[in-house]
């Protein structure tokens, strides 16, 4: 089998210069495309990051407001420090009886005899 080699001398100098010019233009076009493409991608990523940061700042502000609200209501909450006091307060409060019926129109009917559980 004979090897077929093409010599540069076989090509016309003008064809070679046309090919080199075309290769150079293709290279510039490719570089321009990638430059534009990556700039768009980078701009998109930066925009998403900015949106995320804005949302994160807003979320942190909401959490901070919630924390401050909870701190201000700390006296109303049961904690390790005030659990004994809260239990004593509950145990010393008067008993509330919910032994009544609310009719459809909102009228409250109390039982006649609170000692008898059967009707």
C-alpha atoms as a PDB file:
ATOM      1  CA  UNK A   1       0.000   0.000   0.000  1.00  0.00           C
ATOM      2  CA  UNK A   2       1.382   3.332  -0.968  1.00  0.00           C
ATOM      3  CA  UNK A   3       1.160   6.229   1.364  1.00  0.00           C
ATOM      4  CA  UNK A   4      -0.378   9.289  -0.149  1.00  0.00           C
ATOM      5  CA  UNK A   5       1.290  12.453   1.051  1.00  0.00           C
ATOM      6  CA  UNK A   6       0.297  15.865  -0.007  1.00  0.00           C
ATOM      7  CA  UNK A   7       3.025  18.376  -0.265  1.00  0.00           C
ATOM      8  CA  UNK A   8       2.489  22.031   0.497  1.00  0.00           C
ATOM      9  CA  UNK A   9       4.061  22.794  -2.810  1.00  0.00           C
ATOM     10  CA  UNK A  10       1.067  21.215  -4.475  1.00  0.00           C
ATOM     11  CA  UNK A  11      -1.159  23.995  -3.126  1.00  0.00           C
ATOM     12  CA  UNK A  12      -1.274  27.307  -4.759  1.00  0.00           C
ATOM     13  CA  UNK A  13       0.099  30.137  -2.575  1.00  0.00           C
ATOM     14  CA  UNK A  14      -3.066  32.125  -3.130  1.00  0.00           C
ATOM     15  CA  UNK A  15      -5.229  29.245  -1.842  1.00  0.00           C
ATOM     16  CA  UNK A  16      -3.045  28.946   1.237  1.00  0.00           C
ATOM     17  CA  UNK A  17      -3.398  32.664   1.995  1.00  0.00           C
ATOM     18  CA  UNK A  18      -7.191  32.438   1.489  1.00  0.00           C
ATOM     19  CA  UNK A  19      -7.306  29.465   3.876  1.00  0.00           C
ATOM     20  CA  UNK A  20      -5.175  31.255   6.473  1.00  0.00           C
ATOM     21  CA  UNK A  21      -7.360  34.354   6.179  1.00  0.00           C
ATOM     22  CA  UNK A  22     -10.497  32.230   6.599  1.00  0.00           C
ATOM     23  CA  UNK A  23      -8.965  30.430   9.600  1.00  0.00           C
ATOM     24  CA  UNK A  24      -8.085  33.798  11.171  1.00  0.00           C
ATOM     25  CA  UNK A  25     -11.605  35.168  10.597  1.00  0.00           C
ATOM     26  CA  UNK A  26     -13.113  31.976  12.013  1.00  0.00           C
ATOM     27  CA  UNK A  27     -10.855  32.284  15.054  1.00  0.00           C
ATOM     28  CA  UNK A  28     -11.930  35.906  15.591  1.00  0.00           C
ATOM     29  CA  UNK A  29     -15.588  34.952  15.191  1.00  0.00           C
ATOM     30  CA  UNK A  30     -15.204  32.096  17.653  1.00  0.00           C
ATOM     31  CA  UNK A  31     -13.421  34.337  20.161  1.00  0.00           C
ATOM     32  CA  UNK A  32     -16.121  36.986  19.769  1.00  0.00           C
ATOM     33  CA  UNK A  33     -18.861  34.369  20.239  1.00  0.00           C
ATOM     34  CA  UNK A  34     -17.250  32.922  23.364  1.00  0.00           C
ATOM     35  CA  UNK A  35     -16.572  36.409  24.724  1.00  0.00           C
ATOM     36  CA  UNK A  36     -20.235  37.389  24.277  1.00  0.00           C
ATOM     37  CA  UNK A  37     -21.517  34.006  25.479  1.00  0.00           C
ATOM     38  CA  UNK A  38     -19.420  33.978  28.645  1.00  0.00           C
ATOM     39  CA  UNK A  39     -20.159  37.639  29.356  1.00  0.00           C
ATOM     40  CA  UNK A  40     -23.884  36.848  29.177  1.00  0.00           C
ATOM     41  CA  UNK A  41     -23.398  33.836  31.445  1.00  0.00           C
ATOM     42  CA  UNK A  42     -21.353  35.843  33.932  1.00  0.00           C
ATOM     43  CA  UNK A  43     -23.901  38.681  33.886  1.00  0.00           C
ATOM     44  CA  UNK A  44     -26.696  36.146  34.482  1.00  0.00           C
ATOM     45  CA  UNK A  45     -24.848  34.568  37.395  1.00  0.00           C
ATOM     46  CA  UNK A  46     -24.116  37.986  38.898  1.00  0.00           C
ATOM     47  CA  UNK A  47     -27.760  39.014  38.540  1.00  0.00           C
ATOM     48  CA  UNK A  48     -28.942  35.791  40.213  1.00  0.00           C
ATOM     49  CA  UNK A  49     -26.400  36.323  42.990  1.00  0.00           C
ATOM     50  CA  UNK A  50     -27.624  39.885  43.504  1.00  0.00           C
ATOM     51  CA  UNK A  51     -31.249  38.684  43.668  1.00  0.00           C
ATOM     52  CA  UNK A  52     -30.237  35.962  46.139  1.00  0.00           C
ATOM     53  CA  UNK A  53     -28.350  38.480  48.287  1.00  0.00           C
ATOM     54  CA  UNK A  54     -31.350  40.829  48.278  1.00  0.00           C
ATOM     55  CA  UNK A  55     -33.671  37.988  49.293  1.00  0.00           C
ATOM     56  CA  UNK A  56     -31.198  36.891  51.964  1.00  0.00           C
ATOM     57  CA  UNK A  57     -31.020  40.409  53.426  1.00  0.00           C
ATOM     58  CA  UNK A  58     -34.821  40.573  53.467  1.00  0.00           C
ATOM     59  CA  UNK A  59     -35.028  37.141  55.122  1.00  0.00           C
ATOM     60  CA  UNK A  60     -32.487  38.163  57.759  1.00  0.00           C
ATOM     61  CA  UNK A  61     -34.465  41.339  58.501  1.00  0.00           C
ATOM     62  CA  UNK A  62     -37.646  39.284  58.922  1.00  0.00           C
ATOM     63  CA  UNK A  63     -35.839  36.863  61.246  1.00  0.00           C
ATOM     64  CA  UNK A  64     -34.348  39.758  63.223  1.00  0.00           C
ATOM     65  CA  UNK A  65     -37.811  41.328  63.628  1.00  0.00           C
ATOM     66  CA  UNK A  66     -39.238  37.971  64.702  1.00  0.00           C
ATOM     67  CA  UNK A  67     -36.419  37.494  67.216  1.00  0.00           C
ATOM     68  CA  UNK A  68     -36.940  40.959  68.687  1.00  0.00           C
ATOM     69  CA  UNK A  69     -40.674  40.303  68.874  1.00  0.00           C
ATOM     70  CA  UNK A  70     -40.067  37.027  70.704  1.00  0.00           C
ATOM     71  CA  UNK A  71     -37.612  38.707  73.070  1.00  0.00           C
ATOM     72  CA  UNK A  72     -40.172  41.373  73.909  1.00  0.00           C
ATOM     73  CA  UNK A  73     -42.745  38.669  74.661  1.00  0.00           C
ATOM     74  CA  UNK A  74     -40.255  36.691  76.741  1.00  0.00           C
ATOM     75  CA  UNK A  75     -42.164  37.372  79.952  1.00  0.00           C
ATOM     76  CA  UNK A  76     -45.231  35.685  78.476  1.00  0.00           C
ATOM     77  CA  UNK A  77     -43.337  32.515  77.544  1.00  0.00           C
ATOM     78  CA  UNK A  78     -42.486  29.608  79.782  1.00  0.00           C
ATOM     79  CA  UNK A  79     -38.726  29.185  80.088  1.00  0.00           C
ATOM     80  CA  UNK A  80     -36.402  27.199  82.330  1.00  0.00           C
ATOM     81  CA  UNK A  81     -35.969  30.264  84.498  1.00  0.00           C
ATOM     82  CA  UNK A  82     -39.677  30.940  85.111  1.00  0.00           C
ATOM     83  CA  UNK A  83     -41.269  27.490  84.874  1.00  0.00           C
ATOM     84  CA  UNK A  84     -41.836  27.174  88.642  1.00  0.00           C
ATOM     85  CA  UNK A  85     -43.471  30.582  88.778  1.00  0.00           C
ATOM     86  CA  UNK A  86     -45.734  29.737  85.798  1.00  0.00           C
ATOM     87  CA  UNK A  87     -46.779  26.391  87.293  1.00  0.00           C
ATOM     88  CA  UNK A  88     -47.624  28.081  90.620  1.00  0.00           C
ATOM     89  CA  UNK A  89     -49.659  30.729  88.796  1.00  0.00           C
ATOM     90  CA  UNK A  90     -51.625  28.081  86.901  1.00  0.00           C
ATOM     91  CA  UNK A  91     -52.228  25.973  89.991  1.00  0.00           C
ATOM     92  CA  UNK A  92     -53.456  28.968  92.005  1.00  0.00           C
ATOM     93  CA  UNK A  93     -55.802  30.285  89.293  1.00  0.00           C
ATOM     94  CA  UNK A  94     -59.537  29.612  89.722  1.00  0.00           C
ATOM     95  CA  UNK A  95     -61.051  26.621  87.971  1.00  0.00           C
ATOM     96  CA  UNK A  96     -62.930  27.411  84.787  1.00  0.00           C
ATOM     97  CA  UNK A  97     -65.940  25.268  83.997  1.00  0.00           C
ATOM     98  CA  UNK A  98     -66.852  24.745  80.392  1.00  0.00           C
ATOM     99  CA  UNK A  99     -69.861  22.600  81.166  1.00  0.00           C
ATOM    100  CA  UNK A 100     -72.411  24.279  78.904  1.00  0.00           C
ATOM    101  CA  UNK A 101     -73.830  24.078  75.407  1.00  0.00           C
ATOM    102  CA  UNK A 102     -73.865  26.748  72.719  1.00  0.00           C
ATOM    103  CA  UNK A 103     -76.939  26.459  70.508  1.00  0.00           C
ATOM    104  CA  UNK A 104     -77.019  27.169  66.781  1.00  0.00           C
ATOM    105  CA  UNK A 105     -78.057  30.790  67.287  1.00  0.00           C
ATOM    106  CA  UNK A 106     -75.348  31.342  69.898  1.00  0.00           C
ATOM    107  CA  UNK A 107     -77.487  30.994  73.007  1.00  0.00           C
ATOM    108  CA  UNK A 108     -75.598  29.442  75.932  1.00  0.00           C
ATOM    109  CA  UNK A 109     -77.430  26.789  77.957  1.00  0.00           C
ATOM    110  CA  UNK A 110     -75.959  25.847  81.336  1.00  0.00           C
ATOM    111  CA  UNK A 111     -76.882  22.527  82.930  1.00  0.00           C
ATOM    112  CA  UNK A 112     -79.590  22.675  85.600  1.00  0.00           C
ATOM    113  CA  UNK A 113     -77.814  20.230  87.868  1.00  0.00           C
ATOM    114  CA  UNK A 114     -74.008  20.318  87.695  1.00  0.00           C
ATOM    115  CA  UNK A 115     -73.702  17.291  89.999  1.00  0.00           C
ATOM    116  CA  UNK A 116     -75.577  14.953  87.632  1.00  0.00           C
ATOM    117  CA  UNK A 117     -73.607  13.935  84.544  1.00  0.00           C
ATOM    118  CA  UNK A 118     -76.529  12.156  82.832  1.00  0.00           C
ATOM    119  CA  UNK A 119     -79.158  14.161  80.909  1.00  0.00           C
END
